[in-house]
Amino acid sequence: MAKKDKEDDEFRPTGTIAVLTIFVITLIAIWATIYMILVGRGGTL
C-alpha cells in the first residue's frame, strides 16, 4: 500500500499539460491575429 501512495505522489498529468499548452498557444495565436487586424485598420484604445 505504501508503494501505491508513492506512485500517487509522483503522478505527472502529461496529457493535461499537453492539452493546456495547445490551448494557450491557440489562444495567443487568435489574440495576435485579432490584434494585427485592429492595428492594420488603425484602431485605437
PDB file of N, CA and C in Angstrom:
ATOM      1  N   MET A   1       0.828  -1.193   0.000  1.00  0.00           N
ATOM      2  CA  MET A   1       0.000   0.000   0.000  1.00  0.00           C
ATOM      3  C   MET A   1       0.871   1.255   0.000  1.00  0.00           C
ATOM      4  N   ALA A   2       2.016   1.187   0.639  1.00  0.00           N
ATOM      5  CA  ALA A   2       2.912   2.339   0.643  1.00  0.00           C
ATOM      6  C   ALA A   2       3.410   2.642  -0.762  1.00  0.00           C
ATOM      7  N   LYS A   3       3.596   1.592  -1.575  1.00  0.00           N
ATOM      8  CA  LYS A   3       4.063   1.801  -2.944  1.00  0.00           C
ATOM      9  C   LYS A   3       3.017   2.569  -3.762  1.00  0.00           C
ATOM     10  N   LYS A   4       1.748   2.250  -3.567  1.00  0.00           N
ATOM     11  CA  LYS A   4       0.686   2.946  -4.295  1.00  0.00           C
ATOM     12  C   LYS A   4       0.646   4.419  -3.906  1.00  0.00           C
ATOM     13  N   ASP A   5       0.824   4.729  -2.619  1.00  0.00           N
ATOM     14  CA  ASP A   5       0.839   6.118  -2.181  1.00  0.00           C
ATOM     15  C   ASP A   5       2.004   6.869  -2.819  1.00  0.00           C
ATOM     16  N   LYS A   6       3.152   6.205  -2.938  1.00  0.00           N
ATOM     17  CA  LYS A   6       4.310   6.849  -3.547  1.00  0.00           C
ATOM     18  C   LYS A   6       4.050   7.136  -5.024  1.00  0.00           C
ATOM     19  N   GLU A   7       3.387   6.205  -5.723  1.00  0.00           N
ATOM     20  CA  GLU A   7       3.060   6.425  -7.134  1.00  0.00           C
ATOM     21  C   GLU A   7       2.097   7.598  -7.287  1.00  0.00           C
ATOM     22  N   ASP A   8       1.168   7.751  -6.362  1.00  0.00           N
ATOM     23  CA  ASP A   8       0.238   8.874  -6.421  1.00  0.00           C
ATOM     24  C   ASP A   8       0.974  10.199  -6.255  1.00  0.00           C
ATOM     25  N   ASP A   9       2.000  10.227  -5.399  1.00  0.00           N
ATOM     26  CA  ASP A   9       2.770  11.444  -5.190  1.00  0.00           C
ATOM     27  C   ASP A   9       3.579  11.816  -6.429  1.00  0.00           C
ATOM     28  N   GLU A  10       3.967  10.831  -7.236  1.00  0.00           N
ATOM     29  CA  GLU A  10       4.795  11.084  -8.409  1.00  0.00           C
ATOM     30  C   GLU A  10       3.983  11.180  -9.695  1.00  0.00           C
ATOM     31  N   PHE A  11       2.671  11.273  -9.600  1.00  0.00           N
ATOM     32  CA  PHE A  11       1.810  11.330 -10.782  1.00  0.00           C
ATOM     33  C   PHE A  11       2.066  12.611 -11.562  1.00  0.00           C
ATOM     34  N   ARG A  12       2.286  12.475 -12.873  1.00  0.00           N
ATOM     35  CA  ARG A  12       2.518  13.620 -13.746  1.00  0.00           C
ATOM     36  C   ARG A  12       1.413  13.660 -14.803  1.00  0.00           C
ATOM     37  N   PRO A  13       0.568  14.687 -14.769  1.00  0.00           N
ATOM     38  CA  PRO A  13      -0.536  14.768 -15.734  1.00  0.00           C
ATOM     39  C   PRO A  13      -0.059  15.270 -17.101  1.00  0.00           C
ATOM     40  N   THR A  14       0.693  14.439 -17.820  1.00  0.00           N
ATOM     41  CA  THR A  14       1.292  14.880 -19.082  1.00  0.00           C
ATOM     42  C   THR A  14       0.237  15.193 -20.138  1.00  0.00           C
ATOM     43  N   GLY A  15      -0.828  14.442 -20.197  1.00  0.00           N
ATOM     44  CA  GLY A  15      -1.880  14.723 -21.174  1.00  0.00           C
ATOM     45  C   GLY A  15      -2.541  16.067 -20.921  1.00  0.00           C
ATOM     46  N   THR A  16      -2.807  16.359 -19.661  1.00  0.00           N
ATOM     47  CA  THR A  16      -3.413  17.634 -19.297  1.00  0.00           C
ATOM     48  C   THR A  16      -2.484  18.786 -19.636  1.00  0.00           C
ATOM     49  N   ILE A  17      -1.208  18.620 -19.359  1.00  0.00           N
ATOM     50  CA  ILE A  17      -0.231  19.665 -19.667  1.00  0.00           C
ATOM     51  C   ILE A  17      -0.152  19.891 -21.173  1.00  0.00           C
ATOM     52  N   ALA A  18      -0.196  18.825 -21.961  1.00  0.00           N
ATOM     53  CA  ALA A  18      -0.139  18.950 -23.423  1.00  0.00           C
ATOM     54  C   ALA A  18      -1.365  19.688 -23.953  1.00  0.00           C
ATOM     55  N   VAL A  19      -2.549  19.316 -23.483  1.00  0.00           N
ATOM     56  CA  VAL A  19      -3.776  19.974 -23.933  1.00  0.00           C
ATOM     57  C   VAL A  19      -3.775  21.441 -23.520  1.00  0.00           C
ATOM     58  N   LEU A  20      -3.355  21.725 -22.311  1.00  0.00           N
ATOM     59  CA  LEU A  20      -3.294  23.100 -21.833  1.00  0.00           C
ATOM     60  C   LEU A  20      -2.316  23.931 -22.659  1.00  0.00           C
ATOM     61  N   THR A  21      -1.166  23.354 -23.007  1.00  0.00           N
ATOM     62  CA  THR A  21      -0.178  24.054 -23.824  1.00  0.00           C
ATOM     63  C   THR A  21      -0.746  24.372 -25.204  1.00  0.00           C
ATOM     64  N   ILE A  22      -1.400  23.397 -25.828  1.00  0.00           N
ATOM     65  CA  ILE A  22      -2.012  23.630 -27.143  1.00  0.00           C
ATOM     66  C   ILE A  22      -3.084  24.715 -27.047  1.00  0.00           C
ATOM     67  N   PHE A  23      -3.874  24.689 -25.987  1.00  0.00           N
ATOM     68  CA  PHE A  23      -4.917  25.692 -25.793  1.00  0.00           C
ATOM     69  C   PHE A  23      -4.321  27.091 -25.655  1.00  0.00           C
ATOM     70  N   VAL A  24      -3.268  27.228 -24.864  1.00  0.00           N
ATOM     71  CA  VAL A  24      -2.639  28.535 -24.655  1.00  0.00           C
ATOM     72  C   VAL A  24      -2.023  29.050 -25.954  1.00  0.00           C
ATOM     73  N   ILE A  25      -1.350  28.181 -26.703  1.00  0.00           N
ATOM     74  CA  ILE A  25      -0.756  28.588 -27.980  1.00  0.00           C
ATOM     75  C   ILE A  25      -1.847  29.041 -28.950  1.00  0.00           C
ATOM     76  N   THR A  26      -2.959  28.313 -29.006  1.00  0.00           N
ATOM     77  CA  THR A  26      -4.072  28.698 -29.873  1.00  0.00           C
ATOM     78  C   THR A  26      -4.659  30.036 -29.449  1.00  0.00           C
ATOM     79  N   LEU A  27      -4.818  30.234 -28.160  1.00  0.00           N
ATOM     80  CA  LEU A  27      -5.354  31.486 -27.643  1.00  0.00           C
ATOM     81  C   LEU A  27      -4.455  32.662 -28.004  1.00  0.00           C
ATOM     82  N   ILE A  28      -3.141  32.496 -27.860  1.00  0.00           N
ATOM     83  CA  ILE A  28      -2.193  33.552 -28.213  1.00  0.00           C
ATOM     84  C   ILE A  28      -2.249  33.844 -29.713  1.00  0.00           C
ATOM     85  N   ALA A  29      -2.349  32.794 -30.537  1.00  0.00           N
ATOM     86  CA  ALA A  29      -2.411  32.984 -31.991  1.00  0.00           C
ATOM     87  C   ALA A  29      -3.671  33.750 -32.388  1.00  0.00           C
ATOM     88  N   ILE A  30      -4.803  33.406 -31.803  1.00  0.00           N
ATOM     89  CA  ILE A  30      -6.053  34.112 -32.110  1.00  0.00           C
ATOM     90  C   ILE A  30      -5.959  35.566 -31.657  1.00  0.00           C
ATOM     91  N   TRP A  31      -5.432  35.792 -30.460  1.00  0.00           N
ATOM     92  CA  TRP A  31      -5.285  37.147 -29.950  1.00  0.00           C
ATOM     93  C   TRP A  31      -4.380  37.973 -30.861  1.00  0.00           C
ATOM     94  N   ALA A  32      -3.260  37.401 -31.289  1.00  0.00           N
ATOM     95  CA  ALA A  32      -2.321  38.120 -32.153  1.00  0.00           C
ATOM     96  C   ALA A  32      -2.962  38.445 -33.499  1.00  0.00           C
ATOM     97  N   THR A  33      -3.739  37.523 -34.046  1.00  0.00           N
ATOM     98  CA  THR A  33      -4.417  37.769 -35.320  1.00  0.00           C
ATOM     99  C   THR A  33      -5.404  38.927 -35.203  1.00  0.00           C
ATOM    100  N   ILE A  34      -6.214  38.916 -34.172  1.00  0.00           N
ATOM    101  CA  ILE A  34      -7.182  39.994 -33.967  1.00  0.00           C
ATOM    102  C   ILE A  34      -6.458  41.311 -33.716  1.00  0.00           C
ATOM    103  N   TYR A  35      -5.382  41.281 -32.958  1.00  0.00           N
ATOM    104  CA  TYR A  35      -4.602  42.484 -32.679  1.00  0.00           C
ATOM    105  C   TYR A  35      -4.048  43.075 -33.970  1.00  0.00           C
ATOM    106  N   MET A  36      -3.500  42.223 -34.841  1.00  0.00           N
ATOM    107  CA  MET A  36      -2.946  42.712 -36.109  1.00  0.00           C
ATOM    108  C   MET A  36      -4.046  43.285 -37.014  1.00  0.00           C
ATOM    109  N   ILE A  37      -5.223  42.686 -36.996  1.00  0.00           N
ATOM    110  CA  ILE A  37      -6.339  43.234 -37.777  1.00  0.00           C
ATOM    111  C   ILE A  37      -6.696  44.624 -37.263  1.00  0.00           C
ATOM    112  N   LEU A  38      -6.792  44.771 -35.955  1.00  0.00           N
ATOM    113  CA  LEU A  38      -7.141  46.071 -35.382  1.00  0.00           C
ATOM    114  C   LEU A  38      -6.063  47.116 -35.648  1.00  0.00           C
ATOM    115  N   VAL A  39      -4.804  46.743 -35.529  1.00  0.00           N
ATOM    116  CA  VAL A  39      -3.711  47.680 -35.797  1.00  0.00           C
ATOM    117  C   VAL A  39      -3.710  48.064 -37.277  1.00  0.00           C
ATOM    118  N   GLY A  40      -3.955  47.104 -38.147  1.00  0.00           N
ATOM    119  CA  GLY A  40      -3.993  47.377 -39.581  1.00  0.00           C
ATOM    120  C   GLY A  40      -5.107  48.336 -39.967  1.00  0.00           C
ATOM    121  N   ARG A  41      -6.195  48.313 -39.238  1.00  0.00           N
ATOM    122  CA  ARG A  41      -7.314  49.219 -39.510  1.00  0.00           C
ATOM    123  C   ARG A  41      -7.132  50.570 -38.824  1.00  0.00           C
ATOM    124  N   GLY A  42      -6.087  50.708 -38.033  1.00  0.00           N
ATOM    125  CA  GLY A  42      -5.846  51.972 -37.341  1.00  0.00           C
ATOM    126  C   GLY A  42      -6.668  52.119 -36.079  1.00  0.00           C
ATOM    127  N   GLY A  43      -7.031  51.019 -35.471  1.00  0.00           N
ATOM    128  CA  GLY A  43      -7.821  51.067 -34.253  1.00  0.00           C
ATOM    129  C   GLY A  43      -7.030  51.625 -33.080  1.00  0.00           C
ATOM    130  N   THR A  44      -7.720  52.329 -32.213  1.00  0.00           N
ATOM    131  CA  THR A  44      -7.080  52.870 -31.011  1.00  0.00           C
ATOM    132  C   THR A  44      -7.839  52.385 -29.785  1.00  0.00           C
ATOM    133  N   LEU A  45      -7.185  52.470 -28.651  1.00  0.00           N
ATOM    134  CA  LEU A  45      -7.858  52.098 -27.410  1.00  0.00           C
ATOM    135  C   LEU A  45      -8.741  53.212 -27.016  1.00  0.00           C
TER     136      LEU A  45
END
